[in-house]
């Protein structure tokens, strides 16, 4: 495999991981909205979910985009790096 095709494959690993993890985060938002529509959650509860989603998505983006793609792909292949939802949780005082 050439360097160019190896790099493309490595970027693909990171992109696929990013998309899958982002989809999982969005599923939590969709669930919260469904529960709001059913009257199980109020607007403040949904706002909390949206806040946590925003923080989690930013952490995921940083992981996937700010490091060396080869290192990021190796981490993804070896072990799932983080629970992004928990990483987005507001800090407890």
N, C-alpha and C. Protein backbone atom coordinates (compact mmCIF):
# COMPACT_ATOMS: atom_id res chain seq x y z
N UNK A 1 0.85 -1.17 0.00
CA UNK A 1 0.00 0.00 0.00
C UNK A 1 0.89 1.24 0.00
N UNK A 2 0.58 2.19 -0.82
CA UNK A 2 1.38 3.41 -0.90
C UNK A 2 1.11 4.29 0.30
N UNK A 3 2.03 5.24 0.53
CA UNK A 3 1.85 6.17 1.65
C UNK A 3 0.54 6.95 1.52
N UNK A 4 0.24 7.34 0.27
CA UNK A 4 -0.98 8.12 0.04
C UNK A 4 -2.23 7.30 0.37
N UNK A 5 -2.26 6.04 -0.06
CA UNK A 5 -3.44 5.23 0.21
C UNK A 5 -3.51 4.84 1.69
N UNK A 6 -2.36 4.66 2.34
CA UNK A 6 -2.36 4.38 3.78
C UNK A 6 -2.91 5.57 4.55
N UNK A 7 -2.48 6.76 4.16
CA UNK A 7 -2.97 7.97 4.84
C UNK A 7 -4.47 8.14 4.61
N UNK A 8 -4.93 7.86 3.40
CA UNK A 8 -6.36 7.96 3.10
C UNK A 8 -7.14 6.97 3.96
N UNK A 9 -6.64 5.75 4.09
CA UNK A 9 -7.31 4.73 4.91
C UNK A 9 -7.32 5.15 6.38
N UNK A 10 -6.23 5.74 6.84
CA UNK A 10 -6.15 6.21 8.23
C UNK A 10 -7.16 7.32 8.47
N UNK A 11 -7.24 8.27 7.55
CA UNK A 11 -8.22 9.35 7.69
C UNK A 11 -9.64 8.80 7.67
N UNK A 12 -9.86 7.76 6.88
CA UNK A 12 -11.18 7.15 6.80
C UNK A 12 -11.57 6.52 8.13
N UNK A 13 -10.63 5.89 8.82
CA UNK A 13 -10.90 5.30 10.13
C UNK A 13 -11.39 6.38 11.09
N UNK A 14 -10.69 7.50 11.11
CA UNK A 14 -11.05 8.60 12.02
C UNK A 14 -12.39 9.20 11.62
N UNK A 15 -12.61 9.41 10.33
CA UNK A 15 -13.87 10.01 9.88
C UNK A 15 -15.06 9.11 10.19
N UNK A 16 -14.92 7.81 9.98
CA UNK A 16 -16.01 6.88 10.27
C UNK A 16 -16.30 6.83 11.77
N UNK A 17 -15.25 6.84 12.57
CA UNK A 17 -15.42 6.85 14.02
C UNK A 17 -16.14 8.12 14.46
N UNK A 18 -15.69 9.26 13.92
CA UNK A 18 -16.29 10.55 14.27
C UNK A 18 -17.78 10.54 13.94
N UNK A 19 -18.11 10.08 12.75
CA UNK A 19 -19.51 10.06 12.34
C UNK A 19 -20.34 9.13 13.22
N UNK A 20 -19.83 7.96 13.53
CA UNK A 20 -20.56 7.01 14.37
C UNK A 20 -20.78 7.56 15.77
N UNK A 21 -19.74 8.14 16.36
CA UNK A 21 -19.86 8.68 17.72
C UNK A 21 -20.79 9.89 17.75
N UNK A 22 -20.70 10.73 16.73
CA UNK A 22 -21.59 11.89 16.64
C UNK A 22 -23.04 11.43 16.51
N UNK A 23 -23.26 10.37 15.75
CA UNK A 23 -24.60 9.82 15.62
C UNK A 23 -25.14 9.35 16.96
N UNK A 24 -24.29 8.76 17.78
CA UNK A 24 -24.72 8.33 19.11
C UNK A 24 -25.09 9.50 20.00
N UNK A 25 -24.33 10.58 19.89
CA UNK A 25 -24.65 11.78 20.67
C UNK A 25 -25.97 12.39 20.20
N UNK A 26 -26.17 12.43 18.89
CA UNK A 26 -27.41 12.98 18.36
C UNK A 26 -28.62 12.12 18.75
N UNK A 27 -28.43 10.82 18.88
CA UNK A 27 -29.52 9.94 19.30
C UNK A 27 -30.00 10.33 20.71
N UNK A 28 -29.08 10.75 21.56
CA UNK A 28 -29.47 11.19 22.91
C UNK A 28 -30.32 12.45 22.84
N UNK A 29 -29.97 13.35 21.94
CA UNK A 29 -30.76 14.57 21.76
C UNK A 29 -32.14 14.21 21.23
N UNK A 30 -32.19 13.33 20.24
CA UNK A 30 -33.48 12.93 19.68
C UNK A 30 -34.36 12.29 20.74
N UNK A 31 -33.78 11.46 21.59
CA UNK A 31 -34.54 10.82 22.66
C UNK A 31 -35.10 11.87 23.63
N UNK A 32 -34.28 12.85 23.96
CA UNK A 32 -34.74 13.91 24.87
C UNK A 32 -35.89 14.70 24.24
N UNK A 33 -35.78 14.99 22.96
CA UNK A 33 -36.86 15.72 22.28
C UNK A 33 -38.14 14.89 22.24
N UNK A 34 -38.00 13.61 21.97
CA UNK A 34 -39.19 12.74 21.98
C UNK A 34 -39.83 12.72 23.36
N UNK A 35 -39.02 12.64 24.40
CA UNK A 35 -39.55 12.62 25.77
C UNK A 35 -40.20 13.96 26.12
N UNK A 36 -39.65 15.05 25.59
CA UNK A 36 -40.26 16.37 25.80
C UNK A 36 -41.64 16.42 25.15
N UNK A 37 -41.72 15.92 23.92
CA UNK A 37 -42.99 15.91 23.20
C UNK A 37 -44.04 15.05 23.91
N UNK A 38 -43.58 14.01 24.59
CA UNK A 38 -44.48 13.12 25.33
C UNK A 38 -44.82 13.65 26.72
N UNK A 39 -44.20 14.77 27.09
CA UNK A 39 -44.48 15.38 28.39
C UNK A 39 -43.66 14.81 29.54
N UNK A 40 -42.67 13.96 29.24
CA UNK A 40 -41.83 13.36 30.29
C UNK A 40 -40.73 14.31 30.76
N UNK A 41 -40.29 15.19 29.89
CA UNK A 41 -39.24 16.17 30.23
C UNK A 41 -39.79 17.56 30.02
N UNK A 42 -39.24 18.52 30.77
CA UNK A 42 -39.62 19.92 30.52
C UNK A 42 -38.51 20.59 29.69
N UNK A 43 -38.73 21.82 29.35
CA UNK A 43 -37.78 22.54 28.48
C UNK A 43 -36.40 22.65 29.12
N UNK A 44 -36.35 22.79 30.43
CA UNK A 44 -35.05 22.89 31.10
C UNK A 44 -34.27 21.58 31.02
N UNK A 45 -34.99 20.46 31.13
CA UNK A 45 -34.33 19.16 30.99
C UNK A 45 -33.72 19.00 29.59
N UNK A 46 -34.47 19.38 28.59
CA UNK A 46 -33.97 19.28 27.21
C UNK A 46 -32.80 20.23 27.01
N UNK A 47 -32.88 21.41 27.59
CA UNK A 47 -31.78 22.36 27.49
C UNK A 47 -30.51 21.78 28.10
N UNK A 48 -30.64 21.08 29.20
CA UNK A 48 -29.49 20.43 29.83
C UNK A 48 -28.88 19.39 28.88
N UNK A 49 -29.73 18.61 28.23
CA UNK A 49 -29.24 17.61 27.27
C UNK A 49 -28.53 18.30 26.11
N UNK A 50 -29.09 19.37 25.61
CA UNK A 50 -28.46 20.11 24.50
C UNK A 50 -27.11 20.69 24.91
N UNK A 51 -27.03 21.18 26.13
CA UNK A 51 -25.77 21.72 26.64
C UNK A 51 -24.71 20.62 26.71
N UNK A 52 -25.11 19.47 27.24
CA UNK A 52 -24.16 18.36 27.35
C UNK A 52 -23.77 17.86 25.96
N UNK A 53 -24.72 17.80 25.04
CA UNK A 53 -24.42 17.41 23.66
C UNK A 53 -23.36 18.33 23.05
N UNK A 54 -23.56 19.63 23.23
CA UNK A 54 -22.64 20.60 22.65
C UNK A 54 -21.22 20.39 23.18
N UNK A 55 -21.10 20.22 24.47
CA UNK A 55 -19.78 20.00 25.07
C UNK A 55 -19.17 18.68 24.59
N UNK A 56 -19.98 17.63 24.54
CA UNK A 56 -19.49 16.32 24.12
C UNK A 56 -19.04 16.34 22.65
N UNK A 57 -19.84 16.99 21.80
CA UNK A 57 -19.50 17.07 20.38
C UNK A 57 -18.20 17.85 20.17
N UNK A 58 -17.97 18.87 20.97
CA UNK A 58 -16.72 19.64 20.86
C UNK A 58 -15.53 18.80 21.27
N UNK A 59 -15.67 18.03 22.34
CA UNK A 59 -14.57 17.15 22.78
C UNK A 59 -14.27 16.10 21.72
N UNK A 60 -15.32 15.52 21.16
CA UNK A 60 -15.14 14.54 20.08
C UNK A 60 -14.44 15.18 18.88
N UNK A 61 -14.87 16.37 18.50
CA UNK A 61 -14.25 17.06 17.36
C UNK A 61 -12.77 17.30 17.62
N UNK A 62 -12.43 17.76 18.83
CA UNK A 62 -11.02 18.01 19.15
C UNK A 62 -10.21 16.72 19.04
N UNK A 63 -10.75 15.63 19.57
CA UNK A 63 -10.04 14.36 19.51
C UNK A 63 -9.78 13.94 18.07
N UNK A 64 -10.78 14.09 17.22
CA UNK A 64 -10.68 13.61 15.84
C UNK A 64 -9.91 14.55 14.92
N UNK A 65 -9.76 15.80 15.28
CA UNK A 65 -9.22 16.78 14.33
C UNK A 65 -7.95 17.49 14.76
N UNK A 66 -7.58 17.48 16.02
CA UNK A 66 -6.45 18.30 16.44
C UNK A 66 -5.14 17.53 16.62
N UNK A 67 -5.21 16.22 16.65
CA UNK A 67 -3.99 15.43 16.84
C UNK A 67 -3.47 14.90 15.51
N UNK A 68 -2.42 14.11 15.61
CA UNK A 68 -1.90 13.44 14.41
C UNK A 68 -2.88 12.33 14.03
N UNK A 69 -3.27 12.31 12.79
CA UNK A 69 -4.30 11.37 12.35
C UNK A 69 -3.86 9.92 12.57
N UNK A 70 -2.58 9.64 12.40
CA UNK A 70 -2.09 8.26 12.60
C UNK A 70 -2.24 7.82 14.05
N UNK A 71 -1.92 8.70 14.98
CA UNK A 71 -2.06 8.40 16.40
C UNK A 71 -3.52 8.24 16.78
N UNK A 72 -4.35 9.13 16.30
CA UNK A 72 -5.78 9.07 16.58
C UNK A 72 -6.36 7.76 16.06
N UNK A 73 -6.01 7.38 14.84
CA UNK A 73 -6.52 6.13 14.27
C UNK A 73 -6.04 4.92 15.07
N UNK A 74 -4.80 4.96 15.53
CA UNK A 74 -4.26 3.85 16.33
C UNK A 74 -5.03 3.72 17.64
N UNK A 75 -5.35 4.83 18.26
CA UNK A 75 -6.13 4.80 19.51
C UNK A 75 -7.51 4.22 19.24
N UNK A 76 -8.14 4.62 18.15
CA UNK A 76 -9.47 4.12 17.81
C UNK A 76 -9.42 2.62 17.55
N UNK A 77 -8.41 2.17 16.83
CA UNK A 77 -8.31 0.74 16.49
C UNK A 77 -8.04 -0.11 17.73
N UNK A 78 -7.24 0.39 18.65
CA UNK A 78 -6.83 -0.39 19.81
C UNK A 78 -7.90 -0.43 20.90
N UNK A 79 -8.56 0.69 21.11
CA UNK A 79 -9.58 0.77 22.15
C UNK A 79 -10.44 1.98 21.88
N UNK A 80 -11.68 1.89 22.28
CA UNK A 80 -12.55 3.06 22.15
C UNK A 80 -12.08 4.08 23.17
N UNK A 81 -11.74 5.28 22.73
CA UNK A 81 -11.07 6.25 23.59
C UNK A 81 -11.86 6.78 24.78
N UNK A 82 -13.10 7.18 24.58
CA UNK A 82 -13.82 7.86 25.65
C UNK A 82 -15.31 7.62 25.53
N UNK A 83 -15.98 7.87 26.62
CA UNK A 83 -17.43 7.99 26.60
C UNK A 83 -17.66 9.49 26.40
N UNK A 84 -17.93 9.88 25.18
CA UNK A 84 -18.01 11.31 24.86
C UNK A 84 -19.15 11.99 25.59
N UNK A 85 -20.25 11.27 25.82
CA UNK A 85 -21.36 11.86 26.55
C UNK A 85 -20.91 12.26 27.95
N UNK A 86 -20.20 11.38 28.60
CA UNK A 86 -19.69 11.69 29.95
C UNK A 86 -18.66 12.81 29.90
N UNK A 87 -17.85 12.84 28.86
CA UNK A 87 -16.87 13.92 28.73
C UNK A 87 -17.55 15.27 28.60
N UNK A 88 -18.77 15.30 28.09
CA UNK A 88 -19.50 16.55 27.92
C UNK A 88 -20.32 16.94 29.14
N UNK A 89 -20.34 16.11 30.16
CA UNK A 89 -21.13 16.41 31.35
C UNK A 89 -20.59 17.65 32.03
N UNK A 90 -21.47 18.51 32.51
CA UNK A 90 -21.01 19.70 33.24
C UNK A 90 -20.22 19.28 34.48
N UNK A 91 -19.26 20.09 34.83
CA UNK A 91 -18.44 19.80 36.02
C UNK A 91 -19.30 19.93 37.26
N UNK A 92 -19.15 19.00 38.14
CA UNK A 92 -19.90 19.02 39.39
C UNK A 92 -19.15 19.90 40.40
N UNK A 93 -19.88 20.68 41.15
CA UNK A 93 -19.25 21.54 42.16
C UNK A 93 -19.28 20.89 43.51
